[in-house]
Amino acid sequence: MGQAIGDLLPAAVGVAISPFPIVAVVLMLVSARGRANGPAFLLGWLVGVAGAGTILLLIASGADAHEDGQPAGWVSWLKLVLGLGLLLLAAKQWRGRPHEGEEPPTPKWMGALDAFTPVKAGGAGIVLSALNPKNLLLIVAGMAAIAQTGISGGEQAVALLVFTIIAAIGVATPVVIYFALGDRSAQLLDRLKTWMAQNNAVIMAVLLLVIGVKLIGDAIAGLS
């Protein structure tokens, strides 16, 4: 199981570092329903990652991802495709980065966060965690990394739990800060929100590039 956890770490960290969802949870925390919406968003995020991960892990395990003590050939091809996909996303993020003096674009849906109920906040957490293209690619990579080791179903469940917890660190951090510091958290959360929004494109481009290159390297090693 140690190998599975080691292999899934890059993908889990990639899901955790999601600037716009982190900005979204900060905006929810400073809204009138912050004490309910922030935890609801985090819960939705956990449900989204765990749900998508469970489905994908069952598919990967059922497709014989582990053969004769080695990862199946299709796993290496999948990693190659995922790696190339992440490189394309990295290039798109880099080209779309704001230049000096420009304000970074903000998704229109963020303007409606103040009016969110806890149910909508939880739904947003599910959508942004499991249906975001970047996160979905990384969850696929993480589940393939678990399935290819051939560990038992119980160990796979533990590895999925580890993946889910790590993947939630990014959006969980503002929630923890909010409840730990109370009113004193406002300035810190505002700085975090501003920095994440301004550097979203660069953060994502570098992150996707690193993980994409790693997946391509793993694929080449597995196919050679």
Protein backbone atom coordinates (compact mmCIF):
# COMPACT_ATOMS: atom_id res chain seq x y z
CA MET A 1 0.00 0.00 0.00
CA GLY A 2 2.96 2.29 0.56
CA GLN A 3 3.74 2.24 -3.16
CA ALA A 4 0.12 3.14 -3.99
CA ILE A 5 0.15 6.10 -1.61
CA GLY A 6 3.50 7.27 -2.96
CA ASP A 7 2.28 7.05 -6.55
CA LEU A 8 -0.99 8.89 -5.89
CA LEU A 9 0.56 11.83 -4.02
CA PRO A 10 1.30 14.06 -7.05
CA ALA A 11 -2.25 13.73 -8.37
CA ALA A 12 -3.78 14.32 -4.92
CA VAL A 13 -1.67 17.43 -4.39
CA GLY A 14 -2.70 18.62 -7.84
CA VAL A 15 -6.36 18.40 -6.87
CA ALA A 16 -5.64 20.16 -3.55
CA ILE A 17 -4.00 23.13 -5.26
CA SER A 18 -7.09 24.51 -6.97
CA PRO A 19 -6.96 28.33 -6.75
CA PHE A 20 -10.51 29.23 -7.84
CA PRO A 21 -12.22 26.72 -5.50
CA ILE A 22 -10.05 28.06 -2.67
CA VAL A 23 -11.13 31.60 -3.59
CA ALA A 24 -14.75 30.39 -3.71
CA VAL A 25 -14.66 28.89 -0.21
CA VAL A 26 -13.08 32.08 1.15
CA LEU A 27 -15.89 34.15 -0.39
CA MET A 28 -18.44 31.80 1.17
CA LEU A 29 -16.80 32.07 4.58
CA VAL A 30 -17.03 35.86 4.60
CA SER A 31 -20.69 35.82 3.50
CA ALA A 32 -23.67 36.03 5.87
CA ARG A 33 -23.99 32.21 5.89
CA GLY A 34 -20.25 31.64 6.19
CA ARG A 35 -20.37 29.38 9.24
CA ALA A 36 -22.65 26.96 7.35
CA ASN A 37 -21.59 27.44 3.73
CA GLY A 38 -17.85 27.00 4.28
CA PRO A 39 -18.14 23.54 5.89
CA ALA A 40 -20.89 22.59 3.41
CA PHE A 41 -18.58 23.38 0.49
CA LEU A 42 -15.79 21.34 2.10
CA LEU A 43 -18.16 18.42 2.65
CA GLY A 44 -19.28 18.60 -0.98
CA TRP A 45 -15.64 18.65 -2.08
CA LEU A 46 -14.91 15.50 -0.05
CA VAL A 47 -18.00 13.75 -1.41
CA GLY A 48 -17.12 14.71 -4.99
CA VAL A 49 -13.53 13.46 -4.81
CA ALA A 50 -14.43 10.28 -2.91
CA GLY A 51 -17.40 9.53 -5.18
CA ALA A 52 -15.52 10.04 -8.43
CA GLY A 53 -12.53 8.18 -7.02
CA THR A 54 -14.64 5.20 -5.99
CA ILE A 55 -16.27 4.88 -9.41
CA LEU A 56 -12.98 5.23 -11.28
CA LEU A 57 -11.15 2.86 -8.93
CA LEU A 58 -13.81 0.18 -9.41
CA ILE A 59 -13.52 0.58 -13.19
CA ALA A 60 -9.71 0.42 -13.12
CA SER A 61 -9.66 -2.59 -10.78
CA GLY A 62 -12.23 -4.41 -12.92
CA ALA A 63 -10.13 -3.81 -16.01
CA ASP A 64 -7.16 -5.79 -14.64
CA ALA A 65 -4.81 -2.87 -14.04
CA HIS A 66 -2.27 -5.27 -12.50
CA GLU A 67 -0.92 -8.25 -14.45
CA ASP A 68 1.87 -10.70 -13.58
CA GLY A 69 3.26 -8.49 -10.84
CA GLN A 70 3.42 -5.44 -13.10
CA PRO A 71 1.02 -2.64 -14.11
CA ALA A 72 -1.04 -3.57 -17.18
CA GLY A 73 0.02 -2.07 -20.49
CA TRP A 74 -3.17 -0.03 -20.80
CA VAL A 75 -2.31 1.80 -17.56
CA SER A 76 0.89 3.13 -19.13
CA TRP A 77 -1.02 4.24 -22.24
CA LEU A 78 -3.59 5.91 -20.02
CA LYS A 79 -0.84 7.76 -18.16
CA LEU A 80 0.60 8.91 -21.47
CA VAL A 81 -2.77 10.28 -22.60
CA LEU A 82 -3.39 11.94 -19.24
CA GLY A 83 0.09 13.45 -19.22
CA LEU A 84 -0.37 14.91 -22.69
CA GLY A 85 -3.79 16.23 -21.66
CA LEU A 86 -2.30 17.95 -18.63
CA LEU A 87 0.42 19.51 -20.79
CA LEU A 88 -2.24 20.94 -23.09
CA LEU A 89 -4.11 22.36 -20.09
CA ALA A 90 -0.84 23.81 -18.77
CA ALA A 91 -0.21 25.56 -22.10
CA LYS A 92 -3.76 26.91 -22.13
CA GLN A 93 -3.39 28.28 -18.61
CA TRP A 94 -0.03 29.88 -19.43
CA ARG A 95 -1.33 31.57 -22.56
CA GLY A 96 -4.34 32.88 -20.64
CA ARG A 97 -2.35 34.35 -17.75
CA PRO A 98 -2.92 38.06 -17.10
CA HIS A 99 -0.04 40.30 -18.09
CA GLU A 100 1.41 43.04 -15.94
CA GLY A 101 -1.22 45.62 -15.04
CA GLU A 102 -4.14 43.40 -16.07
CA GLU A 103 -6.81 42.19 -13.68
CA PRO A 104 -7.23 38.39 -13.71
CA PRO A 105 -10.65 37.31 -15.01
CA THR A 106 -13.05 36.01 -12.36
CA PRO A 107 -15.77 33.45 -13.17
CA LYS A 108 -19.23 35.05 -13.24
CA TRP A 109 -20.67 32.42 -10.90
CA MET A 110 -18.52 33.74 -8.06
CA GLY A 111 -20.72 36.83 -7.94
CA ALA A 112 -23.63 34.68 -6.75
CA LEU A 113 -21.80 33.06 -3.84
CA ASP A 114 -23.20 35.50 -1.27
CA ALA A 115 -26.71 34.18 -1.98
CA PHE A 116 -25.78 30.49 -1.73
CA THR A 117 -27.56 28.25 0.74
CA PRO A 118 -25.64 25.40 2.42
CA VAL A 119 -27.21 22.97 -0.07
CA LYS A 120 -25.97 25.02 -3.04
CA ALA A 121 -22.56 25.39 -1.38
CA GLY A 122 -22.32 21.62 -1.01
CA GLY A 123 -23.39 21.13 -4.62
CA ALA A 124 -20.75 23.60 -5.76
CA GLY A 125 -18.14 21.63 -3.82
CA ILE A 126 -19.13 18.44 -5.63
CA VAL A 127 -19.12 20.06 -9.06
CA LEU A 128 -15.82 21.91 -8.62
CA SER A 129 -14.05 18.86 -7.21
CA ALA A 130 -15.26 16.00 -9.40
CA LEU A 131 -16.44 17.64 -12.64
CA ASN A 132 -13.65 20.16 -13.13
CA PRO A 133 -11.63 18.84 -16.14
CA LYS A 134 -8.27 19.33 -14.41
CA ASN A 135 -9.37 17.58 -11.25
CA LEU A 136 -11.07 14.76 -13.14
CA LEU A 137 -7.88 14.01 -15.07
CA LEU A 138 -5.90 13.98 -11.83
CA ILE A 139 -8.43 11.74 -10.06
CA VAL A 140 -8.22 9.31 -12.98
CA ALA A 141 -4.42 9.35 -12.66
CA GLY A 142 -4.61 8.81 -8.91
CA MET A 143 -7.00 5.88 -9.16
CA ALA A 144 -4.92 4.27 -11.90
CA ALA A 145 -1.90 4.62 -9.62
CA ILE A 146 -3.75 2.74 -6.88
CA ALA A 147 -5.20 0.02 -9.12
CA GLN A 148 -1.92 -0.73 -10.88
CA THR A 149 -0.29 -1.88 -7.62
CA GLY A 150 -2.63 -4.86 -7.30
CA ILE A 151 -3.30 -4.30 -3.58
CA SER A 152 -6.40 -5.73 -1.89
CA GLY A 153 -9.79 -4.01 -1.88
CA GLY A 154 -9.40 -2.93 1.74
CA GLU A 155 -6.00 -1.40 1.06
CA GLN A 156 -7.39 0.34 -2.01
CA ALA A 157 -10.10 1.88 0.17
CA VAL A 158 -7.47 3.19 2.58
CA ALA A 159 -5.41 4.60 -0.30
CA LEU A 160 -8.54 6.31 -1.68
CA LEU A 161 -9.19 7.81 1.77
CA VAL A 162 -5.63 9.17 1.86
CA PHE A 163 -6.09 10.61 -1.64
CA THR A 164 -9.37 12.27 -0.64
CA ILE A 165 -7.93 13.82 2.52
CA ILE A 166 -4.88 15.21 0.72
CA ALA A 167 -7.03 16.48 -2.15
CA ALA A 168 -9.15 18.44 0.35
CA ILE A 169 -6.30 20.24 2.09
CA GLY A 170 -6.52 23.28 -0.18
CA VAL A 171 -10.18 24.07 0.48
CA ALA A 172 -10.03 22.84 4.08
CA THR A 173 -7.29 25.29 5.05
CA PRO A 174 -9.44 28.47 4.81
CA VAL A 175 -12.24 26.73 6.75
CA VAL A 176 -9.83 25.75 9.53
CA ILE A 177 -8.37 29.28 9.63
CA TYR A 178 -11.88 30.78 9.79
CA PHE A 179 -13.01 28.70 12.76
CA ALA A 180 -9.64 28.78 14.54
CA LEU A 181 -9.11 32.56 14.36
CA GLY A 182 -12.68 33.86 14.19
CA ASP A 183 -12.86 37.56 13.33
CA ARG A 184 -9.08 37.74 13.20
CA SER A 185 -9.10 35.49 10.11
CA ALA A 186 -10.66 38.14 7.84
CA GLN A 187 -7.44 39.87 6.82
CA LEU A 188 -5.52 36.63 6.35
CA LEU A 189 -8.27 35.07 4.25
CA ASP A 190 -8.54 38.21 2.13
CA ARG A 191 -4.81 38.11 1.37
CA LEU A 192 -5.06 34.41 0.51
CA LYS A 193 -8.03 35.04 -1.80
CA THR A 194 -6.29 37.94 -3.58
CA TRP A 195 -3.02 36.05 -4.07
CA MET A 196 -4.77 32.93 -5.36
CA ALA A 197 -6.92 34.89 -7.80
CA GLN A 198 -3.99 36.92 -9.16
CA ASN A 199 -1.69 33.92 -9.60
CA ASN A 200 -4.22 31.27 -10.60
CA ALA A 201 -3.00 30.85 -14.19
CA VAL A 202 0.70 30.63 -13.30
CA ILE A 203 0.09 28.24 -10.38
CA MET A 204 -2.01 25.95 -12.54
CA ALA A 205 0.36 26.06 -15.51
CA VAL A 206 3.39 25.07 -13.43
CA LEU A 207 1.48 22.43 -11.47
CA LEU A 208 -0.02 20.80 -14.56
CA LEU A 209 3.34 20.89 -16.36
CA VAL A 210 5.14 19.09 -13.52
CA ILE A 211 2.47 16.42 -13.06
CA GLY A 212 2.02 15.97 -16.82
CA VAL A 213 5.76 15.42 -17.34
CA LYS A 214 5.82 12.90 -14.47
CA LEU A 215 2.93 10.92 -15.95
CA ILE A 216 4.57 10.88 -19.38
CA GLY A 217 7.84 9.72 -17.80
CA ASP A 218 6.05 6.93 -15.91
CA ALA A 219 4.26 5.92 -19.12
CA ILE A 220 7.49 5.72 -21.12
CA ALA A 221 9.15 3.67 -18.37
CA GLY A 222 6.17 1.30 -18.25
CA LEU A 223 6.06 0.82 -22.02
CA SER A 224 9.80 0.33 -22.52
